[in-house]
Amino acid sequence: VAMDMPEFRDAGLVELRASLMRGQRAAAAEEVIAGQLATLGVEGP
């Protein structure tokens, strides 16, 4: 899993790339990512 921070003149995309293990679905990773973002957005680091 990795993320890229854009350094563009205007608003670029913060990208997140993840390669799933065999047999795992992207939806399961999305759920974990959404949970972590929600927690960080409420509690901070």
PDB file of all heavy atoms in Angstrom:
ATOM      1  N   VAL A   1       0.859  -1.177   0.000  1.00  0.00           N
ATOM      2  CA  VAL A   1       0.000   0.000   0.000  1.00  0.00           C
ATOM      3  C   VAL A   1       0.899   1.233   0.000  1.00  0.00           C
ATOM      4  O   VAL A   1       1.934   1.253   0.672  1.00  0.00           O
ATOM      5  CB  VAL A   1      -0.973   0.018   1.205  1.00  0.00           C
ATOM      6  CG1 VAL A   1      -0.198   0.038   2.521  1.00  0.00           C
ATOM      7  CG2 VAL A   1      -1.913   1.212   1.133  1.00  0.00           C
ATOM      8  N   ALA A   2       0.538   2.233  -0.793  1.00  0.00           N
ATOM      9  CA  ALA A   2       1.336   3.453  -0.880  1.00  0.00           C
ATOM     10  C   ALA A   2       0.425   4.613  -1.244  1.00  0.00           C
ATOM     11  O   ALA A   2      -0.649   4.419  -1.820  1.00  0.00           O
ATOM     12  CB  ALA A   2       2.443   3.303  -1.921  1.00  0.00           C
ATOM     13  N   MET A   3       0.870   5.821  -0.909  1.00  0.00           N
ATOM     14  CA  MET A   3       0.134   7.024  -1.261  1.00  0.00           C
ATOM     15  C   MET A   3       1.086   8.039  -1.877  1.00  0.00           C
ATOM     16  O   MET A   3       2.270   8.074  -1.531  1.00  0.00           O
ATOM     17  CB  MET A   3      -0.567   7.633  -0.040  1.00  0.00           C
ATOM     18  CG  MET A   3      -1.656   6.775   0.555  1.00  0.00           C
ATOM     19  SD  MET A   3      -2.505   7.548   1.978  1.00  0.00           S
ATOM     20  CE  MET A   3      -3.508   8.799   1.139  1.00  0.00           C
ATOM     21  N   ASP A   4       0.557   8.857  -2.776  1.00  0.00           N
ATOM     22  CA  ASP A   4       1.338   9.916  -3.420  1.00  0.00           C
ATOM     23  C   ASP A   4       0.681  11.256  -3.147  1.00  0.00           C
ATOM     24  O   ASP A   4      -0.535  11.406  -3.294  1.00  0.00           O
ATOM     25  CB  ASP A   4       1.411   9.703  -4.934  1.00  0.00           C
ATOM     26  CG  ASP A   4       2.229   8.480  -5.301  1.00  0.00           C
ATOM     27  OD1 ASP A   4       3.201   8.199  -4.582  1.00  0.00           O
ATOM     28  OD2 ASP A   4       1.890   7.821  -6.297  1.00  0.00           O
ATOM     29  N   MET A   5       1.497  12.238  -2.770  1.00  0.00           N
ATOM     30  CA  MET A   5       1.030  13.594  -2.531  1.00  0.00           C
ATOM     31  C   MET A   5       1.342  14.446  -3.750  1.00  0.00           C
ATOM     32  O   MET A   5       2.503  14.587  -4.139  1.00  0.00           O
ATOM     33  CB  MET A   5       1.738  14.168  -1.295  1.00  0.00           C
ATOM     34  CG  MET A   5       1.347  15.591  -0.957  1.00  0.00           C
ATOM     35  SD  MET A   5      -0.377  15.741  -0.457  1.00  0.00           S
ATOM     36  CE  MET A   5      -0.572  17.523  -0.549  1.00  0.00           C
ATOM     37  N   PRO A   6       0.327  15.031  -4.409  1.00  0.00           N
ATOM     38  CA  PRO A   6       0.594  15.809  -5.625  1.00  0.00           C
ATOM     39  C   PRO A   6       1.274  17.130  -5.322  1.00  0.00           C
ATOM     40  O   PRO A   6       1.046  17.742  -4.276  1.00  0.00           O
ATOM     41  CB  PRO A   6      -0.813  16.039  -6.198  1.00  0.00           C
ATOM     42  CG  PRO A   6      -1.708  16.024  -5.000  1.00  0.00           C
ATOM     43  CD  PRO A   6      -1.103  15.021  -4.063  1.00  0.00           C
ATOM     44  N   GLU A   7       2.117  17.568  -6.257  1.00  0.00           N
ATOM     45  CA  GLU A   7       2.777  18.871  -6.149  1.00  0.00           C
ATOM     46  C   GLU A   7       2.512  19.649  -7.434  1.00  0.00           C
ATOM     47  O   GLU A   7       3.429  20.017  -8.172  1.00  0.00           O
ATOM     48  CB  GLU A   7       4.264  18.705  -5.883  1.00  0.00           C
ATOM     49  CG  GLU A   7       4.561  18.073  -4.526  1.00  0.00           C
ATOM     50  CD  GLU A   7       6.023  18.150  -4.142  1.00  0.00           C
ATOM     51  OE1 GLU A   7       6.886  18.316  -5.038  1.00  0.00           O
ATOM     52  OE2 GLU A   7       6.311  18.037  -2.942  1.00  0.00           O
ATOM     53  N   PHE A   8       1.229  19.889  -7.690  1.00  0.00           N
ATOM     54  CA  PHE A   8       0.799  20.560  -8.905  1.00  0.00           C
ATOM     55  C   PHE A   8       0.444  22.019  -8.605  1.00  0.00           C
ATOM     56  O   PHE A   8       0.309  22.414  -7.457  1.00  0.00           O
ATOM     57  CB  PHE A   8      -0.420  19.870  -9.511  1.00  0.00           C
ATOM     58  CG  PHE A   8      -0.243  18.397  -9.761  1.00  0.00           C
ATOM     59  CD1 PHE A   8      -1.347  17.565  -9.817  1.00  0.00           C
ATOM     60  CD2 PHE A   8       1.008  17.842  -9.944  1.00  0.00           C
ATOM     61  CE1 PHE A   8      -1.207  16.216 -10.058  1.00  0.00           C
ATOM     62  CE2 PHE A   8       1.170  16.488 -10.176  1.00  0.00           C
ATOM     63  CZ  PHE A   8       0.050  15.663 -10.235  1.00  0.00           C
ATOM     64  N   ARG A   9       0.246  22.793  -9.671  1.00  0.00           N
ATOM     65  CA  ARG A   9      -0.147  24.182  -9.486  1.00  0.00           C
ATOM     66  C   ARG A   9      -1.554  24.283  -8.898  1.00  0.00           C
ATOM     67  O   ARG A   9      -1.827  25.074  -8.003  1.00  0.00           O
ATOM     68  CB  ARG A   9      -0.106  24.932 -10.813  1.00  0.00           C
ATOM     69  CG  ARG A   9      -0.198  26.441 -10.638  1.00  0.00           C
ATOM     70  CD  ARG A   9      -0.073  27.148 -11.958  1.00  0.00           C
ATOM     71  NE  ARG A   9      -1.362  27.284 -12.617  1.00  0.00           N
ATOM     72  CZ  ARG A   9      -1.523  27.717 -13.859  1.00  0.00           C
ATOM     73  NH1 ARG A   9      -0.465  27.998 -14.589  1.00  0.00           N
ATOM     74  NH2 ARG A   9      -2.713  27.844 -14.387  1.00  0.00           N
ATOM     75  N   ASP A  10      -2.468  23.461  -9.421  1.00  0.00           N
ATOM     76  CA  ASP A  10      -3.828  23.422  -8.912  1.00  0.00           C
ATOM     77  C   ASP A  10      -4.023  22.138  -8.120  1.00  0.00           C
ATOM     78  O   ASP A  10      -3.090  21.350  -7.947  1.00  0.00           O
ATOM     79  CB  ASP A  10      -4.830  23.517 -10.059  1.00  0.00           C
ATOM     80  CG  ASP A  10      -4.720  24.843 -10.813  1.00  0.00           C
ATOM     81  OD1 ASP A  10      -4.283  25.832 -10.194  1.00  0.00           O
ATOM     82  OD2 ASP A  10      -5.053  24.873 -12.019  1.00  0.00           O
ATOM     83  N   ALA A  11      -5.239  21.925  -7.670  1.00  0.00           N
ATOM     84  CA  ALA A  11      -5.512  20.761  -6.823  1.00  0.00           C
ATOM     85  C   ALA A  11      -5.372  19.468  -7.622  1.00  0.00           C
ATOM     86  O   ALA A  11      -6.174  19.185  -8.515  1.00  0.00           O
ATOM     87  CB  ALA A  11      -6.918  20.871  -6.232  1.00  0.00           C
ATOM     88  N   GLY A  12      -4.350  18.695  -7.293  1.00  0.00           N
ATOM     89  CA  GLY A  12      -4.168  17.384  -7.900  1.00  0.00           C
ATOM     90  C   GLY A  12      -4.792  16.318  -7.033  1.00  0.00           C
ATOM     91  O   GLY A  12      -5.439  16.596  -6.018  1.00  0.00           O
ATOM     92  N   LEU A  13      -4.604  15.068  -7.425  1.00  0.00           N
ATOM     93  CA  LEU A  13      -5.189  13.954  -6.691  1.00  0.00           C
ATOM     94  C   LEU A  13      -4.192  13.361  -5.714  1.00  0.00           C
ATOM     95  O   LEU A  13      -3.054  13.047  -6.076  1.00  0.00           O
ATOM     96  CB  LEU A  13      -5.639  12.850  -7.650  1.00  0.00           C
ATOM     97  CG  LEU A  13      -6.810  13.146  -8.581  1.00  0.00           C
ATOM     98  CD1 LEU A  13      -7.135  11.897  -9.392  1.00  0.00           C
ATOM     99  CD2 LEU A  13      -8.033  13.607  -7.814  1.00  0.00           C
ATOM    100  N   VAL A  14      -4.634  13.216  -4.465  1.00  0.00           N
ATOM    101  CA  VAL A  14      -3.904  12.371  -3.520  1.00  0.00           C
ATOM    102  C   VAL A  14      -4.279  10.939  -3.877  1.00  0.00           C
ATOM    103  O   VAL A  14      -5.440  10.548  -3.793  1.00  0.00           O
ATOM    104  CB  VAL A  14      -4.298  12.679  -2.066  1.00  0.00           C
ATOM    105  CG1 VAL A  14      -3.543  11.750  -1.117  1.00  0.00           C
ATOM    106  CG2 VAL A  14      -4.014  14.131  -1.731  1.00  0.00           C
ATOM    107  N   GLU A  15      -3.302  10.154  -4.306  1.00  0.00           N
ATOM    108  CA  GLU A  15      -3.572   8.798  -4.784  1.00  0.00           C
ATOM    109  C   GLU A  15      -3.162   7.755  -3.746  1.00  0.00           C
ATOM    110  O   GLU A  15      -2.140   7.902  -3.081  1.00  0.00           O
ATOM    111  CB  GLU A  15      -2.824   8.528  -6.085  1.00  0.00           C
ATOM    112  CG  GLU A  15      -3.248   9.398  -7.247  1.00  0.00           C
ATOM    113  CD  GLU A  15      -2.496   9.059  -8.511  1.00  0.00           C
ATOM    114  OE1 GLU A  15      -2.376   7.861  -8.835  1.00  0.00           O
ATOM    115  OE2 GLU A  15      -2.006  10.003  -9.179  1.00  0.00           O
ATOM    116  N   LEU A  16      -3.959   6.717  -3.653  1.00  0.00           N
ATOM    117  CA  LEU A  16      -3.629   5.555  -2.823  1.00  0.00           C
ATOM    118  C   LEU A  16      -3.668   4.326  -3.707  1.00  0.00           C
ATOM    119  O   LEU A  16      -4.655   4.083  -4.403  1.00  0.00           O
ATOM    120  CB  LEU A  16      -4.619   5.412  -1.665  1.00  0.00           C
ATOM    121  CG  LEU A  16      -4.332   4.279  -0.669  1.00  0.00           C
ATOM    122  CD1 LEU A  16      -4.869   4.633   0.711  1.00  0.00           C
ATOM    123  CD2 LEU A  16      -4.935   2.935  -1.110  1.00  0.00           C
ATOM    124  N   ARG A  17      -2.595   3.546  -3.698  1.00  0.00           N
ATOM    125  CA  ARG A  17      -2.489   2.315  -4.487  1.00  0.00           C
ATOM    126  C   ARG A  17      -2.335   1.124  -3.542  1.00  0.00           C
ATOM    127  O   ARG A  17      -1.516   1.182  -2.616  1.00  0.00           O
ATOM    128  CB  ARG A  17      -1.284   2.364  -5.422  1.00  0.00           C
ATOM    129  CG  ARG A  17      -1.289   3.517  -6.377  1.00  0.00           C
ATOM    130  CD  ARG A  17      -0.068   3.496  -7.292  1.00  0.00           C
ATOM    131  NE  ARG A  17       1.183   3.400  -6.544  1.00  0.00           N
ATOM    132  CZ  ARG A  17       1.770   4.431  -5.960  1.00  0.00           C
ATOM    133  NH1 ARG A  17       1.218   5.628  -6.012  1.00  0.00           N
ATOM    134  NH2 ARG A  17       2.904   4.276  -5.314  1.00  0.00           N
ATOM    135  N   ALA A  18      -3.100   0.098  -3.796  1.00  0.00           N
ATOM    136  CA  ALA A  18      -2.990  -1.111  -2.975  1.00  0.00           C
ATOM    137  C   ALA A  18      -3.107  -2.340  -3.861  1.00  0.00           C
ATOM    138  O   ALA A  18      -3.977  -2.402  -4.746  1.00  0.00           O
ATOM    139  CB  ALA A  18      -4.069  -1.132  -1.902  1.00  0.00           C
ATOM    140  N   SER A  19      -2.236  -3.302  -3.636  1.00  0.00           N
ATOM    141  CA  SER A  19      -2.310  -4.597  -4.314  1.00  0.00           C
ATOM    142  C   SER A  19      -2.848  -5.615  -3.320  1.00  0.00           C
ATOM    143  O   SER A  19      -2.245  -5.847  -2.261  1.00  0.00           O
ATOM    144  CB  SER A  19      -0.929  -5.030  -4.816  1.00  0.00           C
ATOM    145  OG  SER A  19      -0.459  -4.131  -5.810  1.00  0.00           O
ATOM    146  N   LEU A  20      -3.989  -6.206  -3.640  1.00  0.00           N
ATOM    147  CA  LEU A  20      -4.629  -7.164  -2.744  1.00  0.00           C
ATOM    148  C   LEU A  20      -3.939  -8.515  -2.811  1.00  0.00           C
ATOM    149  O   LEU A  20      -3.367  -8.890  -3.839  1.00  0.00           O
ATOM    150  CB  LEU A  20      -6.105  -7.308  -3.096  1.00  0.00           C
ATOM    151  CG  LEU A  20      -7.095  -6.249  -2.568  1.00  0.00           C
ATOM    152  CD1 LEU A  20      -7.223  -6.361  -1.059  1.00  0.00           C
ATOM    153  CD2 LEU A  20      -6.720  -4.845  -2.978  1.00  0.00           C
ATOM    154  N   MET A  21      -4.014  -9.245  -1.700  1.00  0.00           N
ATOM    155  CA  MET A  21      -3.549 -10.629  -1.698  1.00  0.00           C
ATOM    156  C   MET A  21      -4.530 -11.493  -2.494  1.00  0.00           C
ATOM    157  O   MET A  21      -5.705 -11.147  -2.645  1.00  0.00           O
ATOM    158  CB  MET A  21      -3.451 -11.142  -0.258  1.00  0.00           C
ATOM    159  CG  MET A  21      -2.478 -10.349   0.615  1.00  0.00           C
ATOM    160  SD  MET A  21      -0.747 -10.587   0.148  1.00  0.00           S
ATOM    161  CE  MET A  21      -0.475 -12.264   0.762  1.00  0.00           C
ATOM    162  N   ARG A  22      -4.055 -12.612  -2.990  1.00  0.00           N
ATOM    163  CA  ARG A  22      -4.931 -13.521  -3.730  1.00  0.00           C
ATOM    164  C   ARG A  22      -6.134 -13.918  -2.874  1.00  0.00           C
ATOM    165  O   ARG A  22      -5.991 -14.255  -1.698  1.00  0.00           O
ATOM    166  CB  ARG A  22      -4.177 -14.792  -4.138  1.00  0.00           C
ATOM    167  CG  ARG A  22      -3.216 -14.604  -5.299  1.00  0.00           C
ATOM    168  CD  ARG A  22      -2.495 -15.916  -5.590  1.00  0.00           C
ATOM    169  NE  ARG A  22      -1.555 -15.800  -6.682  1.00  0.00           N
ATOM    170  CZ  ARG A  22      -1.817 -16.094  -7.949  1.00  0.00           C
ATOM    171  NH1 ARG A  22      -3.031 -16.523  -8.284  1.00  0.00           N
ATOM    172  NH2 ARG A  22      -0.897 -15.974  -8.886  1.00  0.00           N
ATOM    173  N   GLY A  23      -7.297 -13.841  -3.476  1.00  0.00           N
ATOM    174  CA  GLY A  23      -8.517 -14.233  -2.780  1.00  0.00           C
ATOM    175  C   GLY A  23      -9.172 -13.107  -1.998  1.00  0.00           C
ATOM    176  O   GLY A  23     -10.313 -13.243  -1.557  1.00  0.00           O
ATOM    177  N   GLN A  24      -8.480 -11.993  -1.822  1.00  0.00           N
ATOM    178  CA  GLN A  24      -9.042 -10.859  -1.097  1.00  0.00           C
ATOM    179  C   GLN A  24      -9.668  -9.877  -2.090  1.00  0.00           C
ATOM    180  O   GLN A  24      -9.217  -9.753  -3.231  1.00  0.00           O
ATOM    181  CB  GLN A  24      -7.974 -10.149  -0.265  1.00  0.00           C
ATOM    182  CG  GLN A  24      -7.303 -11.018   0.774  1.00  0.00           C
ATOM    183  CD  GLN A  24      -8.226 -11.348   1.937  1.00  0.00           C
ATOM    184  OE1 GLN A  24      -9.357 -10.871   2.021  1.00  0.00           O
ATOM    185  NE2 GLN A  24      -7.744 -12.200   2.841  1.00  0.00           N
ATOM    186  N   ARG A  25     -10.676  -9.162  -1.639  1.00  0.00           N
ATOM    187  CA  ARG A  25     -11.392  -8.231  -2.502  1.00  0.00           C
ATOM    188  C   ARG A  25     -11.047  -6.778  -2.145  1.00  0.00           C
ATOM    189  O   ARG A  25     -10.804  -6.439  -0.987  1.00  0.00           O
ATOM    190  CB  ARG A  25     -12.899  -8.430  -2.370  1.00  0.00           C
ATOM    191  CG  ARG A  25     -13.379  -9.825  -2.798  1.00  0.00           C
ATOM    192  CD  ARG A  25     -13.142 -10.067  -4.288  1.00  0.00           C
ATOM    193  NE  ARG A  25     -13.602 -11.380  -4.702  1.00  0.00           N
ATOM    194  CZ  ARG A  25     -14.804 -11.610  -5.256  1.00  0.00           C
ATOM    195  NH1 ARG A  25     -15.650 -10.612  -5.420  1.00  0.00           N
ATOM    196  NH2 ARG A  25     -15.145 -12.828  -5.621  1.00  0.00           N
ATOM    197  N   ALA A  26     -11.059  -5.936  -3.164  1.00  0.00           N
ATOM    198  CA  ALA A  26     -10.758  -4.526  -2.963  1.00  0.00           C
ATOM    199  C   ALA A  26     -11.728  -3.890  -1.973  1.00  0.00           C
ATOM    200  O   ALA A  26     -11.353  -2.988  -1.218  1.00  0.00           O
ATOM    201  CB  ALA A  26     -10.801  -3.790  -4.302  1.00  0.00           C
ATOM    202  N   ALA A  27     -12.968  -4.342  -1.959  1.00  0.00           N
ATOM    203  CA  ALA A  27     -13.965  -3.760  -1.059  1.00  0.00           C
ATOM    204  C   ALA A  27     -13.554  -3.894   0.401  1.00  0.00           C
ATOM    205  O   ALA A  27     -13.818  -3.000   1.214  1.00  0.00           O
ATOM    206  CB  ALA A  27     -15.324  -4.421  -1.287  1.00  0.00           C
ATOM    207  N   ALA A  28     -12.892  -5.002   0.748  1.00  0.00           N
ATOM    208  CA  ALA A  28     -12.454  -5.184   2.132  1.00  0.00           C
ATOM    209  C   ALA A  28     -11.367  -4.175   2.494  1.00  0.00           C
ATOM    210  O   ALA A  28     -11.358  -3.609   3.596  1.00  0.00           O
ATOM    211  CB  ALA A  28     -11.939  -6.610   2.328  1.00  0.00           C
ATOM    212  N   ALA A  29     -10.461  -3.915   1.575  1.00  0.00           N
ATOM    213  CA  ALA A  29      -9.423  -2.905   1.823  1.00  0.00           C
ATOM    214  C   ALA A  29     -10.041  -1.520   1.912  1.00  0.00           C
ATOM    215  O   ALA A  29      -9.664  -0.713   2.767  1.00  0.00           O
ATOM    216  CB  ALA A  29      -8.376  -2.958   0.718  1.00  0.00           C
ATOM    217  N   GLU A  30     -10.990  -1.235   1.036  1.00  0.00           N
ATOM    218  CA  GLU A  30     -11.668   0.069   1.085  1.00  0.00           C
ATOM    219  C   GLU A  30     -12.312   0.312   2.444  1.00  0.00           C
ATOM    220  O   GLU A  30     -12.285   1.423   2.980  1.00  0.00           O
ATOM    221  CB  GLU A  30     -12.739   0.141   0.003  1.00  0.00           C
ATOM    222  CG  GLU A  30     -12.237   0.460  -1.382  1.00  0.00           C
ATOM    223  CD  GLU A  30     -13.394   0.795  -2.294  1.00  0.00           C
ATOM    224  OE1 GLU A  30     -14.101   1.795  -2.035  1.00  0.00           O
ATOM    225  OE2 GLU A  30     -13.609   0.033  -3.267  1.00  0.00           O
ATOM    226  N   GLU A  31     -12.898  -0.730   3.011  1.00  0.00           N
ATOM    227  CA  GLU A  31     -13.564  -0.593   4.306  1.00  0.00           C
ATOM    228  C   GLU A  31     -12.555  -0.223   5.393  1.00  0.00           C
ATOM    229  O   GLU A  31     -12.816   0.653   6.230  1.00  0.00           O
ATOM    230  CB  GLU A  31     -14.279  -1.898   4.659  1.00  0.00           C
ATOM    231  CG  GLU A  31     -15.056  -1.834   5.960  1.00  0.00           C
ATOM    232  CD  GLU A  31     -15.804  -3.136   6.242  1.00  0.00           C
ATOM    233  OE1 GLU A  31     -15.797  -4.034   5.379  1.00  0.00           O
ATOM    234  OE2 GLU A  31     -16.366  -3.241   7.348  1.00  0.00           O
ATOM    235  N   VAL A  32     -11.397  -0.874   5.386  1.00  0.00           N
ATOM    236  CA  VAL A  32     -10.364  -0.564   6.373  1.00  0.00           C
ATOM    237  C   VAL A  32      -9.855   0.859   6.173  1.00  0.00           C
ATOM    238  O   VAL A  32      -9.671   1.615   7.137  1.00  0.00           O
ATOM    239  CB  VAL A  32      -9.207  -1.577   6.269  1.00  0.00           C
ATOM    240  CG1 VAL A  32      -8.044  -1.161   7.176  1.00  0.00           C
ATOM    241  CG2 VAL A  32      -9.688  -2.974   6.638  1.00  0.00           C
ATOM    242  N   ILE A  33      -9.605   1.237   4.921  1.00  0.00           N
ATOM    243  CA  ILE A  33      -9.095   2.583   4.621  1.00  0.00           C
ATOM    244  C   ILE A  33     -10.095   3.644   5.080  1.00  0.00           C
ATOM    245  O   ILE A  33      -9.716   4.626   5.736  1.00  0.00           O
ATOM    246  CB  ILE A  33      -8.821   2.712   3.111  1.00  0.00           C
ATOM    247  CG1 ILE A  33      -7.649   1.808   2.721  1.00  0.00           C
ATOM    248  CG2 ILE A  33      -8.528   4.162   2.736  1.00  0.00           C
ATOM    249  CD1 ILE A  33      -7.533   1.568   1.225  1.00  0.00           C
ATOM    250  N   ALA A  34     -11.373   3.436   4.777  1.00  0.00           N
ATOM    251  CA  ALA A  34     -12.395   4.395   5.186  1.00  0.00           C
ATOM    252  C   ALA A  34     -12.443   4.524   6.703  1.00  0.00           C
ATOM    253  O   ALA A  34     -12.591   5.629   7.244  1.00  0.00           O
ATOM    254  CB  ALA A  34     -13.756   3.976   4.631  1.00  0.00           C
ATOM    255  N   GLY A  35     -12.301   3.402   7.411  1.00  0.00           N
ATOM    256  CA  GLY A  35     -12.324   3.438   8.873  1.00  0.00           C
ATOM    257  C   GLY A  35     -11.154   4.203   9.445  1.00  0.00           C
ATOM    258  O   GLY A  35     -11.315   5.004  10.390  1.00  0.00           O
ATOM    259  N   GLN A  36      -9.974   3.988   8.892  1.00  0.00           N
ATOM    260  CA  GLN A  36      -8.793   4.695   9.379  1.00  0.00           C
ATOM    261  C   GLN A  36      -8.870   6.196   9.090  1.00  0.00           C
ATOM    262  O   GLN A  36      -8.478   7.025   9.916  1.00  0.00           O
ATOM    263  CB  GLN A  36      -7.535   4.100   8.749  1.00  0.00           C
ATOM    264  CG  GLN A  36      -7.178   2.717   9.270  1.00  0.00           C
ATOM    265  CD  GLN A  36      -6.947   2.732  10.776  1.00  0.00           C
ATOM    266  OE1 GLN A  36      -6.207   3.576  11.289  1.00  0.00           O
ATOM    267  NE2 GLN A  36      -7.570   1.807  11.490  1.00  0.00           N
ATOM    268  N   LEU A  37      -9.371   6.558   7.921  1.00  0.00           N
ATOM    269  CA  LEU A  37      -9.520   7.973   7.591  1.00  0.00           C
ATOM    270  C   LEU A  37     -10.542   8.643   8.510  1.00  0.00           C
ATOM    271  O   LEU A  37     -10.330   9.774   8.970  1.00  0.00           O
ATOM    272  CB  LEU A  37      -9.945   8.134   6.132  1.00  0.00           C
ATOM    273  CG  LEU A  37      -8.902   7.753   5.080  1.00  0.00           C
ATOM    274  CD1 LEU A  37      -9.506   7.837   3.684  1.00  0.00           C
ATOM    275  CD2 LEU A  37      -7.675   8.642   5.182  1.00  0.00           C
ATOM    276  N   ALA A  38     -11.633   7.939   8.781  1.00  0.00           N
ATOM    277  CA  ALA A  38     -12.654   8.505   9.669  1.00  0.00           C
ATOM    278  C   ALA A  38     -12.098   8.714  11.073  1.00  0.00           C
ATOM    279  O   ALA A  38     -12.333   9.759  11.702  1.00  0.00           O
ATOM    280  CB  ALA A  38     -13.879   7.592   9.704  1.00  0.00           C
ATOM    281  N   THR A  39     -11.345   7.740  11.564  1.00  0.00           N
ATOM    282  CA  THR A  39     -10.756   7.869  12.903  1.00  0.00           C
ATOM    283  C   THR A  39      -9.764   9.023  12.963  1.00  0.00           C
ATOM    284  O   THR A  39      -9.783   9.836  13.897  1.00  0.00           O
ATOM    285  CB  THR A  39     -10.059   6.556  13.292  1.00  0.00           C
ATOM    286  OG1 THR A  39     -11.021   5.491  13.312  1.00  0.00           O
ATOM    287  CG2 THR A  39      -9.410   6.671  14.668  1.00  0.00           C
ATOM    288  N   LEU A  40      -8.895   9.108  11.972  1.00  0.00           N
ATOM    289  CA  LEU A  40      -7.901  10.178  11.951  1.00  0.00           C
ATOM    290  C   LEU A  40      -8.576  11.542  11.810  1.00  0.00           C
ATOM    291  O   LEU A  40      -8.119  12.536  12.391  1.00  0.00           O
ATOM    292  CB  LEU A  40      -6.913   9.950  10.809  1.00  0.00           C
ATOM    293  CG  LEU A  40      -5.696  10.875  10.728  1.00  0.00           C
ATOM    294  CD1 LEU A  40      -4.862  10.804  12.000  1.00  0.00           C
ATOM    295  CD2 LEU A  40      -4.840  10.531   9.510  1.00  0.00           C
ATOM    296  N   GLY A  41      -9.672  11.601  11.076  1.00  0.00           N
ATOM    297  CA  GLY A  41     -10.379  12.858  10.890  1.00  0.00           C
ATOM    298  C   GLY A  41     -11.139  13.320  12.117  1.00  0.00           C
ATOM    299  O   GLY A  41     -11.543  14.490  12.200  1.00  0.00           O
ATOM    300  N   VAL A  42     -11.332  12.432  13.083  1.00  0.00           N
ATOM    301  CA  VAL A  42     -12.000  12.799  14.337  1.00  0.00           C
ATOM    302  C   VAL A  42     -10.991  12.981  15.466  1.00  0.00           C
ATOM    303  O   VAL A  42     -11.007  13.974  16.198  1.00  0.00           O
ATOM    304  CB  VAL A  42     -13.048  11.734  14.732  1.00  0.00           C
ATOM    305  CG1 VAL A  42     -13.593  12.013  16.132  1.00  0.00           C
ATOM    306  CG2 VAL A  42     -14.176  11.697  13.712  1.00  0.00           C
ATOM    307  N   GLU A  43     -10.077  12.023  15.605  1.00  0.00           N
ATOM    308  CA  GLU A  43      -9.167  12.025  16.742  1.00  0.00           C
ATOM    309  C   GLU A  43      -7.834  12.719  16.463  1.00  0.00           C
ATOM    310  O   GLU A  43      -7.153  13.146  17.408  1.00  0.00           O
ATOM    311  CB  GLU A  43      -8.883  10.578  17.173  1.00  0.00           C
ATOM    312  CG  GLU A  43     -10.137   9.812  17.590  1.00  0.00           C
ATOM    313  CD  GLU A  43      -9.837   8.363  17.914  1.00  0.00           C
ATOM    314  OE1 GLU A  43      -8.660   7.945  17.735  1.00  0.00           O
ATOM    315  OE2 GLU A  43     -10.767   7.644  18.313  1.00  0.00           O
ATOM    316  N   GLY A  44      -7.465  12.821  15.199  1.00  0.00           N
ATOM    317  CA  GLY A  44      -6.155  13.359  14.876  1.00  0.00           C
ATOM    318  C   GLY A  44      -5.050  12.354  15.153  1.00  0.00           C
ATOM    319  O   GLY A  44      -5.299  11.248  15.664  1.00  0.00           O
ATOM    320  N   PRO A  45      -3.813  12.682  14.844  1.00  0.00           N
ATOM    321  CA  PRO A  45      -2.694  11.752  15.050  1.00  0.00           C
ATOM    322  C   PRO A  45      -2.189  11.782  16.484  1.00  0.00           C
ATOM    323  O   PRO A  45      -2.414  12.743  17.228  1.00  0.00           O
ATOM    324  CB  PRO A  45      -1.629  12.292  14.098  1.00  0.00           C
ATOM    325  CG  PRO A  45      -1.881  13.767  14.093  1.00  0.00           C
ATOM    326  CD  PRO A  45      -3.381  13.932  14.190  1.00  0.00           C
TER     327      PRO A  45
END
